[in-house]
PDB file of N, CA and C in Angstrom:
ATOM      1  N   UNK A   1     -27.440  12.200  -7.070  1.00  0.00           N
ATOM      2  CA  UNK A   1     -26.356  11.237  -6.469  1.00  0.00           C
ATOM      3  C   UNK A   1     -26.099  11.369  -4.645  1.00  0.00           C
ATOM      4  N   UNK A   2     -26.316  10.441  -4.031  1.00  0.00           N
ATOM      5  CA  UNK A   2     -26.400  10.378  -2.596  1.00  0.00           C
ATOM      6  C   UNK A   2     -25.000  10.452  -1.933  1.00  0.00           C
ATOM      7  N   UNK A   3     -24.804  10.573  -0.692  1.00  0.00           N
ATOM      8  CA  UNK A   3     -23.414  10.821  -0.100  1.00  0.00           C
ATOM      9  C   UNK A   3     -22.631   9.258  -0.169  1.00  0.00           C
ATOM     10  N   UNK A   4     -23.257   8.397  -0.268  1.00  0.00           N
ATOM     11  CA  UNK A   4     -22.403   7.079  -0.435  1.00  0.00           C
ATOM     12  C   UNK A   4     -21.520   6.899  -1.580  1.00  0.00           C
ATOM     13  N   UNK A   5     -21.675   7.571  -2.785  1.00  0.00           N
ATOM     14  CA  UNK A   5     -20.845   7.454  -3.823  1.00  0.00           C
ATOM     15  C   UNK A   5     -19.371   8.068  -3.661  1.00  0.00           C
ATOM     16  N   UNK A   6     -19.120   8.795  -2.494  1.00  0.00           N
ATOM     17  CA  UNK A   6     -17.794   9.234  -2.679  1.00  0.00           C
ATOM     18  C   UNK A   6     -17.167   8.904  -1.224  1.00  0.00           C
ATOM     19  N   UNK A   7     -17.696   7.481  -0.873  1.00  0.00           N
ATOM     20  CA  UNK A   7     -17.312   6.708   0.394  1.00  0.00           C
ATOM     21  C   UNK A   7     -15.565   6.833   0.545  1.00  0.00           C
ATOM     22  N   UNK A   8     -14.794   6.764  -0.638  1.00  0.00           N
ATOM     23  CA  UNK A   8     -13.326   6.610  -0.508  1.00  0.00           C
ATOM     24  C   UNK A   8     -12.971   7.727  -0.057  1.00  0.00           C
ATOM     25  N   UNK A   9     -13.377   9.024  -0.365  1.00  0.00           N
ATOM     26  CA  UNK A   9     -12.752  10.455   0.244  1.00  0.00           C
ATOM     27  C   UNK A   9     -13.137  10.635   1.474  1.00  0.00           C
ATOM     28  N   UNK A  10     -13.885   9.993   2.563  1.00  0.00           N
ATOM     29  CA  UNK A  10     -14.459  10.030   3.686  1.00  0.00           C
ATOM     30  C   UNK A  10     -13.338   8.897   4.559  1.00  0.00           C
ATOM     31  N   UNK A  11     -12.586   7.796   3.820  1.00  0.00           N
ATOM     32  CA  UNK A  11     -11.987   7.093   4.447  1.00  0.00           C
ATOM     33  C   UNK A  11     -10.503   7.667   4.830  1.00  0.00           C
ATOM     34  N   UNK A  12     -10.001   7.768   5.838  1.00  0.00           N
ATOM     35  CA  UNK A  12      -8.927   8.469   6.365  1.00  0.00           C
ATOM     36  C   UNK A  12      -7.694   7.285   6.269  1.00  0.00           C
ATOM     37  N   UNK A  13      -6.651   7.532   5.498  1.00  0.00           N
ATOM     38  CA  UNK A  13      -5.502   6.440   5.666  1.00  0.00           C
ATOM     39  C   UNK A  13      -4.387   7.128   5.364  1.00  0.00           C
ATOM     40  N   UNK A  14      -3.560   7.336   5.953  1.00  0.00           N
ATOM     41  CA  UNK A  14      -2.247   8.043   5.542  1.00  0.00           C
ATOM     42  C   UNK A  14      -1.124   7.328   4.942  1.00  0.00           C
ATOM     43  N   UNK A  15      -1.027   7.134   3.711  1.00  0.00           N
ATOM     44  CA  UNK A  15      -0.422   6.412   3.209  1.00  0.00           C
ATOM     45  C   UNK A  15       0.074   6.956   1.705  1.00  0.00           C
ATOM     46  N   UNK A  16       1.076   6.650   1.270  1.00  0.00           N
ATOM     47  CA  UNK A  16       1.590   7.502  -0.146  1.00  0.00           C
ATOM     48  C   UNK A  16       2.614   6.762  -0.732  1.00  0.00           C
ATOM     49  N   UNK A  17       2.760   6.941  -2.135  1.00  0.00           N
ATOM     50  CA  UNK A  17       3.658   6.075  -2.775  1.00  0.00           C
ATOM     51  C   UNK A  17       5.109   6.418  -2.432  1.00  0.00           C
ATOM     52  N   UNK A  18       5.884   5.446  -2.325  1.00  0.00           N
ATOM     53  CA  UNK A  18       7.287   5.608  -1.885  1.00  0.00           C
ATOM     54  C   UNK A  18       7.047   5.435  -0.254  1.00  0.00           C
ATOM     55  N   UNK A  19       6.390   5.146   0.423  1.00  0.00           N
ATOM     56  CA  UNK A  19       6.294   4.649   1.685  1.00  0.00           C
ATOM     57  C   UNK A  19       6.975   3.241   1.774  1.00  0.00           C
ATOM     58  N   UNK A  20       7.882   3.347   2.994  1.00  0.00           N
ATOM     59  CA  UNK A  20       8.377   2.008   3.449  1.00  0.00           C
ATOM     60  C   UNK A  20       7.623   1.535   4.621  1.00  0.00           C
ATOM     61  N   UNK A  21       7.216   0.074   4.347  1.00  0.00           N
ATOM     62  CA  UNK A  21       6.071  -0.484   5.244  1.00  0.00           C
ATOM     63  C   UNK A  21       6.666  -1.923   5.678  1.00  0.00           C
ATOM     64  N   UNK A  22       5.865  -2.112   6.643  1.00  0.00           N
ATOM     65  CA  UNK A  22       6.044  -3.774   7.094  1.00  0.00           C
ATOM     66  C   UNK A  22       4.649  -3.876   6.886  1.00  0.00           C
ATOM     67  N   UNK A  23       4.640  -5.189   6.161  1.00  0.00           N
ATOM     68  CA  UNK A  23       3.301  -6.092   5.680  1.00  0.00           C
ATOM     69  C   UNK A  23       3.156  -7.216   6.991  1.00  0.00           C
ATOM     70  N   UNK A  24       2.170  -7.579   7.279  1.00  0.00           N
ATOM     71  CA  UNK A  24       1.884  -8.480   8.307  1.00  0.00           C
ATOM     72  C   UNK A  24       1.522  -9.774   7.497  1.00  0.00           C
ATOM     73  N   UNK A  25       2.009 -10.644   7.961  1.00  0.00           N
ATOM     74  CA  UNK A  25       1.784 -12.176   7.131  1.00  0.00           C
ATOM     75  C   UNK A  25       1.402 -12.999   8.064  1.00  0.00           C
ATOM     76  N   UNK A  26       0.712 -13.976   7.901  1.00  0.00           N
ATOM     77  CA  UNK A  26       0.310 -15.155   8.891  1.00  0.00           C
ATOM     78  C   UNK A  26       0.567 -16.615   8.750  1.00  0.00           C
ATOM     79  N   UNK A  27       1.407 -17.423   9.110  1.00  0.00           N
ATOM     80  CA  UNK A  27       1.343 -18.629   8.849  1.00  0.00           C
ATOM     81  C   UNK A  27       0.309 -19.371   8.976  1.00  0.00           C
ATOM     82  N   UNK A  28       0.252 -20.618   8.418  1.00  0.00           N
ATOM     83  CA  UNK A  28      -0.715 -21.556   8.462  1.00  0.00           C
ATOM     84  C   UNK A  28      -1.147 -22.117  10.203  1.00  0.00           C
ATOM     85  N   UNK A  29      -0.054 -21.994  10.995  1.00  0.00           N
ATOM     86  CA  UNK A  29      -0.462 -22.397  12.239  1.00  0.00           C
ATOM     87  C   UNK A  29      -1.073 -21.185  13.093  1.00  0.00           C
ATOM     88  N   UNK A  30      -0.973 -20.137  12.565  1.00  0.00           N
ATOM     89  CA  UNK A  30      -1.492 -18.636  13.275  1.00  0.00           C
ATOM     90  C   UNK A  30      -0.602 -17.668  13.740  1.00  0.00           C
ATOM     91  N   UNK A  31       0.468 -18.303  13.831  1.00  0.00           N
ATOM     92  CA  UNK A  31       1.702 -17.060  13.858  1.00  0.00           C
ATOM     93  C   UNK A  31       1.983 -16.331  12.726  1.00  0.00           C
ATOM     94  N   UNK A  32       2.348 -15.036  13.297  1.00  0.00           N
ATOM     95  CA  UNK A  32       2.520 -13.744  12.269  1.00  0.00           C
ATOM     96  C   UNK A  32       4.091 -13.659  12.255  1.00  0.00           C
ATOM     97  N   UNK A  33       4.245 -13.085  11.063  1.00  0.00           N
ATOM     98  CA  UNK A  33       5.656 -12.566  10.553  1.00  0.00           C
ATOM     99  C   UNK A  33       5.441 -11.342   9.707  1.00  0.00           C
ATOM    100  N   UNK A  34       6.689 -10.722   9.485  1.00  0.00           N
ATOM    101  CA  UNK A  34       6.801  -9.471   8.837  1.00  0.00           C
ATOM    102  C   UNK A  34       7.541  -9.772   7.578  1.00  0.00           C
ATOM    103  N   UNK A  35       7.164  -8.978   6.282  1.00  0.00           N
ATOM    104  CA  UNK A  35       8.076  -8.702   5.227  1.00  0.00           C
ATOM    105  C   UNK A  35       8.085  -7.204   5.071  1.00  0.00           C
ATOM    106  N   UNK A  36       9.022  -6.639   4.601  1.00  0.00           N
ATOM    107  CA  UNK A  36       9.129  -5.289   4.485  1.00  0.00           C
ATOM    108  C   UNK A  36       8.755  -4.767   2.882  1.00  0.00           C
ATOM    109  N   UNK A  37       8.371  -3.647   2.354  1.00  0.00           N
ATOM    110  CA  UNK A  37       8.450  -3.411   1.134  1.00  0.00           C
ATOM    111  C   UNK A  37       8.166  -1.824   0.876  1.00  0.00           C
ATOM    112  N   UNK A  38       7.717  -1.329  -0.396  1.00  0.00           N
ATOM    113  CA  UNK A  38       7.690  -0.128  -0.581  1.00  0.00           C
ATOM    114  C   UNK A  38       6.315   0.180  -1.304  1.00  0.00           C
ATOM    115  N   UNK A  39       5.690   1.145  -0.962  1.00  0.00           N
ATOM    116  CA  UNK A  39       4.324   1.490  -1.629  1.00  0.00           C
ATOM    117  C   UNK A  39       4.660   2.127  -3.113  1.00  0.00           C
ATOM    118  N   UNK A  40       4.093   1.230  -4.233  1.00  0.00           N
ATOM    119  CA  UNK A  40       4.209   1.863  -5.492  1.00  0.00           C
ATOM    120  C   UNK A  40       3.134   2.467  -6.286  1.00  0.00           C
ATOM    121  N   UNK A  41       2.101   2.138  -5.744  1.00  0.00           N
ATOM    122  CA  UNK A  41       0.815   2.429  -6.222  1.00  0.00           C
ATOM    123  C   UNK A  41      -0.105   3.829  -5.367  1.00  0.00           C
ATOM    124  N   UNK A  42      -1.004   4.073  -5.896  1.00  0.00           N
ATOM    125  CA  UNK A  42      -1.669   5.245  -5.296  1.00  0.00           C
ATOM    126  C   UNK A  42      -3.135   4.277  -4.479  1.00  0.00           C
ATOM    127  N   UNK A  43      -3.197   4.784  -3.492  1.00  0.00           N
ATOM    128  CA  UNK A  43      -4.725   4.422  -2.651  1.00  0.00           C
ATOM    129  C   UNK A  43      -5.841   4.035  -3.641  1.00  0.00           C
ATOM    130  N   UNK A  44      -6.202   2.964  -3.617  1.00  0.00           N
ATOM    131  CA  UNK A  44      -7.559   2.759  -4.805  1.00  0.00           C
ATOM    132  C   UNK A  44      -8.620   1.944  -3.691  1.00  0.00           C
ATOM    133  N   UNK A  45      -9.591   2.219  -4.275  1.00  0.00           N
ATOM    134  CA  UNK A  45     -11.116   1.831  -3.440  1.00  0.00           C
ATOM    135  C   UNK A  45     -11.783   0.947  -4.514  1.00  0.00           C
ATOM    136  N   UNK A  46     -11.897  -0.422  -3.942  1.00  0.00           N
ATOM    137  CA  UNK A  46     -12.534  -1.446  -4.784  1.00  0.00           C
ATOM    138  C   UNK A  46     -13.812  -1.835  -4.322  1.00  0.00           C
ATOM    139  N   UNK A  47     -14.574  -1.411  -5.047  1.00  0.00           N
ATOM    140  CA  UNK A  47     -16.196  -1.113  -4.719  1.00  0.00           C
ATOM    141  C   UNK A  47     -16.719  -2.710  -4.451  1.00  0.00           C
ATOM    142  N   UNK A  48     -16.042  -3.755  -5.271  1.00  0.00           N
ATOM    143  CA  UNK A  48     -16.473  -5.117  -4.756  1.00  0.00           C
ATOM    144  C   UNK A  48     -16.344  -5.508  -3.332  1.00  0.00           C
ATOM    145  N   UNK A  49     -15.064  -5.176  -2.802  1.00  0.00           N
ATOM    146  CA  UNK A  49     -14.398  -5.356  -1.602  1.00  0.00           C
ATOM    147  C   UNK A  49     -14.738  -4.437  -0.604  1.00  0.00           C
ATOM    148  N   UNK A  50     -15.006  -3.426  -0.921  1.00  0.00           N
ATOM    149  CA  UNK A  50     -15.411  -2.145   0.160  1.00  0.00           C
ATOM    150  C   UNK A  50     -14.399  -1.937   0.624  1.00  0.00           C
ATOM    151  N   UNK A  51     -13.228  -2.287   0.484  1.00  0.00           N
ATOM    152  CA  UNK A  51     -12.049  -1.499   1.412  1.00  0.00           C
ATOM    153  C   UNK A  51     -10.766  -1.033   0.450  1.00  0.00           C
ATOM    154  N   UNK A  52     -10.360   0.066   1.013  1.00  0.00           N
ATOM    155  CA  UNK A  52      -9.144   0.584   0.364  1.00  0.00           C
ATOM    156  C   UNK A  52      -7.737  -0.206   0.525  1.00  0.00           C
ATOM    157  N   UNK A  53      -7.143  -0.086  -0.697  1.00  0.00           N
ATOM    158  CA  UNK A  53      -5.863  -0.831  -0.831  1.00  0.00           C
ATOM    159  C   UNK A  53      -4.951  -0.231  -1.783  1.00  0.00           C
ATOM    160  N   UNK A  54      -3.289  -0.608  -1.347  1.00  0.00           N
ATOM    161  CA  UNK A  54      -2.428  -0.025  -2.232  1.00  0.00           C
ATOM    162  C   UNK A  54      -1.634  -1.450  -2.695  1.00  0.00           C
ATOM    163  N   UNK A  55      -0.888  -0.768  -3.576  1.00  0.00           N
ATOM    164  CA  UNK A  55       0.034  -2.053  -4.182  1.00  0.00           C
ATOM    165  C   UNK A  55       1.550  -1.944  -3.610  1.00  0.00           C
ATOM    166  N   UNK A  56       1.868  -2.791  -3.201  1.00  0.00           N
ATOM    167  CA  UNK A  56       3.407  -2.771  -2.440  1.00  0.00           C
ATOM    168  C   UNK A  56       4.381  -3.869  -3.197  1.00  0.00           C
ATOM    169  N   UNK A  57       5.344  -3.369  -3.378  1.00  0.00           N
ATOM    170  CA  UNK A  57       6.474  -4.522  -4.086  1.00  0.00           C
ATOM    171  C   UNK A  57       7.029  -4.820  -2.503  1.00  0.00           C
ATOM    172  N   UNK A  58       7.112  -6.186  -2.623  1.00  0.00           N
ATOM    173  CA  UNK A  58       7.726  -6.901  -1.262  1.00  0.00           C
ATOM    174  C   UNK A  58       9.400  -7.385  -1.476  1.00  0.00           C
ATOM    175  N   UNK A  59      10.134  -6.804  -0.580  1.00  0.00           N
ATOM    176  CA  UNK A  59      11.215  -6.935  -0.892  1.00  0.00           C
ATOM    177  C   UNK A  59      11.903  -8.413  -0.786  1.00  0.00           C
ATOM    178  N   UNK A  60      11.553  -9.363   0.240  1.00  0.00           N
ATOM    179  CA  UNK A  60      11.672 -10.478   0.375  1.00  0.00           C
ATOM    180  C   UNK A  60      11.002 -11.546  -0.744  1.00  0.00           C
ATOM    181  N   UNK A  61      10.296 -11.262  -1.174  1.00  0.00           N
ATOM    182  CA  UNK A  61       9.303 -12.291  -2.182  1.00  0.00           C
ATOM    183  C   UNK A  61       9.450 -11.444  -3.569  1.00  0.00           C
ATOM    184  N   UNK A  62       9.843 -10.515  -3.681  1.00  0.00           N
ATOM    185  CA  UNK A  62      10.181  -9.854  -4.972  1.00  0.00           C
ATOM    186  C   UNK A  62       8.763  -9.808  -5.698  1.00  0.00           C
ATOM    187  N   UNK A  63       7.723  -9.347  -5.179  1.00  0.00           N
ATOM    188  CA  UNK A  63       6.378  -9.641  -6.000  1.00  0.00           C
ATOM    189  C   UNK A  63       5.673  -8.288  -5.833  1.00  0.00           C
ATOM    190  N   UNK A  64       4.572  -7.823  -6.383  1.00  0.00           N
ATOM    191  CA  UNK A  64       3.897  -6.848  -6.217  1.00  0.00           C
ATOM    192  C   UNK A  64       2.212  -7.210  -5.872  1.00  0.00           C
ATOM    193  N   UNK A  65       2.111  -7.137  -4.611  1.00  0.00           N
ATOM    194  CA  UNK A  65       0.444  -7.398  -3.986  1.00  0.00           C
ATOM    195  C   UNK A  65      -0.247  -6.453  -3.585  1.00  0.00           C
ATOM    196  N   UNK A  66      -1.524  -6.615  -3.838  1.00  0.00           N
ATOM    197  CA  UNK A  66      -2.496  -5.750  -3.056  1.00  0.00           C
ATOM    198  C   UNK A  66      -2.825  -6.094  -1.609  1.00  0.00           C
ATOM    199  N   UNK A  67      -2.605  -4.588  -1.005  1.00  0.00           N
ATOM    200  CA  UNK A  67      -2.607  -4.852   0.571  1.00  0.00           C
ATOM    201  C   UNK A  67      -3.756  -3.907   1.171  1.00  0.00           C
ATOM    202  N   UNK A  68      -4.220  -4.270   2.180  1.00  0.00           N
ATOM    203  CA  UNK A  68      -5.199  -3.369   2.969  1.00  0.00           C
ATOM    204  C   UNK A  68      -4.904  -2.671   4.334  1.00  0.00           C
ATOM    205  N   UNK A  69      -5.373  -1.700   4.801  1.00  0.00           N
ATOM    206  CA  UNK A  69      -4.751  -1.188   5.840  1.00  0.00           C
ATOM    207  C   UNK A  69      -4.450  -2.012   7.100  1.00  0.00           C
ATOM    208  N   UNK A  70      -5.471  -2.926   7.202  1.00  0.00           N
ATOM    209  CA  UNK A  70      -4.969  -3.670   8.524  1.00  0.00           C
ATOM    210  C   UNK A  70      -3.907  -4.664   8.596  1.00  0.00           C
ATOM    211  N   UNK A  71      -3.243  -4.898   7.373  1.00  0.00           N
ATOM    212  CA  UNK A  71      -1.769  -5.506   7.357  1.00  0.00           C
ATOM    213  C   UNK A  71      -0.399  -4.812   6.994  1.00  0.00           C
ATOM    214  N   UNK A  72      -0.778  -3.290   7.073  1.00  0.00           N
ATOM    215  CA  UNK A  72       0.394  -2.768   6.768  1.00  0.00           C
ATOM    216  C   UNK A  72       0.932  -1.701   7.725  1.00  0.00           C
ATOM    217  N   UNK A  73       2.024  -1.573   8.150  1.00  0.00           N
ATOM    218  CA  UNK A  73       2.534  -0.425   9.267  1.00  0.00           C
ATOM    219  C   UNK A  73       3.424   0.271   8.428  1.00  0.00           C
ATOM    220  N   UNK A  74       3.481   1.381   8.459  1.00  0.00           N
ATOM    221  CA  UNK A  74       4.188   2.472   7.530  1.00  0.00           C
ATOM    222  C   UNK A  74       5.494   2.788   8.755  1.00  0.00           C
ATOM    223  N   UNK A  75       6.792   2.443   8.068  1.00  0.00           N
ATOM    224  CA  UNK A  75       8.002   2.576   8.813  1.00  0.00           C
ATOM    225  C   UNK A  75       8.252   3.907   8.675  1.00  0.00           C
ATOM    226  N   UNK A  76       8.417   4.528   7.426  1.00  0.00           N
ATOM    227  CA  UNK A  76       9.084   5.577   6.921  1.00  0.00           C
ATOM    228  C   UNK A  76       8.217   6.309   5.705  1.00  0.00           C
ATOM    229  N   UNK A  77       7.903   7.645   5.698  1.00  0.00           N
ATOM    230  CA  UNK A  77       7.299   8.293   4.671  1.00  0.00           C
ATOM    231  C   UNK A  77       8.489   8.998   3.865  1.00  0.00           C
ATOM    232  N   UNK A  78       8.163   9.175   2.580  1.00  0.00           N
ATOM    233  CA  UNK A  78       9.228   9.697   1.803  1.00  0.00           C
ATOM    234  C   UNK A  78       9.304  11.317   1.695  1.00  0.00           C
ATOM    235  N   UNK A  79      10.175  12.198   1.408  1.00  0.00           N
ATOM    236  CA  UNK A  79      10.002  13.393   1.241  1.00  0.00           C
ATOM    237  C   UNK A  79       9.353  13.791  -0.219  1.00  0.00           C
ATOM    238  N   UNK A  80       9.258  14.885  -0.529  1.00  0.00           N
ATOM    239  CA  UNK A  80       8.206  14.712  -1.528  1.00  0.00           C
ATOM    240  C   UNK A  80       9.175  14.855  -3.040  1.00  0.00           C
ATOM    241  N   UNK A  81      10.571  15.145  -2.754  1.00  0.00           N
ATOM    242  CA  UNK A  81      11.668  14.988  -3.919  1.00  0.00           C
ATOM    243  C   UNK A  81      11.906  13.644  -4.135  1.00  0.00           C
ATOM    244  N   UNK A  82      11.845  12.674  -3.003  1.00  0.00           N
ATOM    245  CA  UNK A  82      12.299  11.339  -3.294  1.00  0.00           C
ATOM    246  C   UNK A  82      10.999  10.577  -3.649  1.00  0.00           C
ATOM    247  N   UNK A  83      10.002  10.536  -3.402  1.00  0.00           N
ATOM    248  CA  UNK A  83       8.691  10.155  -3.845  1.00  0.00           C
ATOM    249  C   UNK A  83       8.636  10.417  -5.396  1.00  0.00           C
ATOM    250  N   UNK A  84       8.929  11.607  -5.785  1.00  0.00           N
ATOM    251  CA  UNK A  84       8.696  11.543  -7.209  1.00  0.00           C
ATOM    252  C   UNK A  84       9.957  10.984  -8.086  1.00  0.00           C
ATOM    253  N   UNK A  85      11.087  10.881  -7.683  1.00  0.00           N
ATOM    254  CA  UNK A  85      11.977  10.209  -8.431  1.00  0.00           C
ATOM    255  C   UNK A  85      11.799   8.834  -8.052  1.00  0.00           C
ATOM    256  N   UNK A  86      11.163   8.091  -7.091  1.00  0.00           N
ATOM    257  CA  UNK A  86      11.158   6.819  -6.886  1.00  0.00           C
ATOM    258  C   UNK A  86       9.769   6.337  -7.782  1.00  0.00           C
ATOM    259  N   UNK A  87       8.906   7.022  -7.922  1.00  0.00           N
ATOM    260  CA  UNK A  87       7.623   6.931  -8.913  1.00  0.00           C
ATOM    261  C   UNK A  87       8.170   6.691 -10.507  1.00  0.00           C
ATOM    262  N   UNK A  88       9.220   7.688 -10.788  1.00  0.00           N
ATOM    263  CA  UNK A  88       9.523   7.751 -12.241  1.00  0.00           C
ATOM    264  C   UNK A  88      10.523   6.596 -12.283  1.00  0.00           C
ATOM    265  N   UNK A  89      11.347   6.266 -11.552  1.00  0.00           N
ATOM    266  CA  UNK A  89      12.076   5.206 -11.784  1.00  0.00           C
ATOM    267  C   UNK A  89      11.465   3.778 -11.915  1.00  0.00           C
ATOM    268  N   UNK A  90      10.368   3.672 -11.082  1.00  0.00           N
ATOM    269  CA  UNK A  90       9.572   2.523 -10.798  1.00  0.00           C
ATOM    270  C   UNK A  90       8.600   2.467 -12.505  1.00  0.00           C
ATOM    271  N   UNK A  91       8.150   3.476 -12.946  1.00  0.00           N
ATOM    272  CA  UNK A  91       7.433   3.804 -14.317  1.00  0.00           C
ATOM    273  C   UNK A  91       8.407   3.125 -15.452  1.00  0.00           C
ATOM    274  N   UNK A  92       9.752   3.521 -15.154  1.00  0.00           N
ATOM    275  CA  UNK A  92      10.738   3.397 -16.375  1.00  0.00           C
ATOM    276  C   UNK A  92      11.041   1.872 -16.382  1.00  0.00           C
ATOM    277  N   UNK A  93      11.244   1.345 -15.304  1.00  0.00           N
ATOM    278  CA  UNK A  93      11.529  -0.130 -15.339  1.00  0.00           C
ATOM    279  C   UNK A  93      10.326  -0.956 -15.756  1.00  0.00           C
ATOM    280  N   UNK A  94       9.060  -0.674 -15.651  1.00  0.00           N
ATOM    281  CA  UNK A  94       8.206  -1.681 -16.203  1.00  0.00           C
ATOM    282  C   UNK A  94       7.845  -1.596 -17.593  1.00  0.00           C
TER     283      UNK A  94
END
């Protein structure tokens, strides 16, 4: 195996489950606006698209979407205790 097989390990993206984030969206006329959400999934790496992503629950639209580093700004990170409880509650709700 060559060194390219672990490319996702070399990408630094400091985001974790339970983080409160702003998601940048764009209107059709090019103006930007933001939605707020919470990270509900682990960082994943899609080999076809070649970029890491996380799943985010967006409060305004009440949907779960896949978002990339370029569209996310972390507002707040969870403490370890809060992170575990948040993840457990989301798993029970599904």
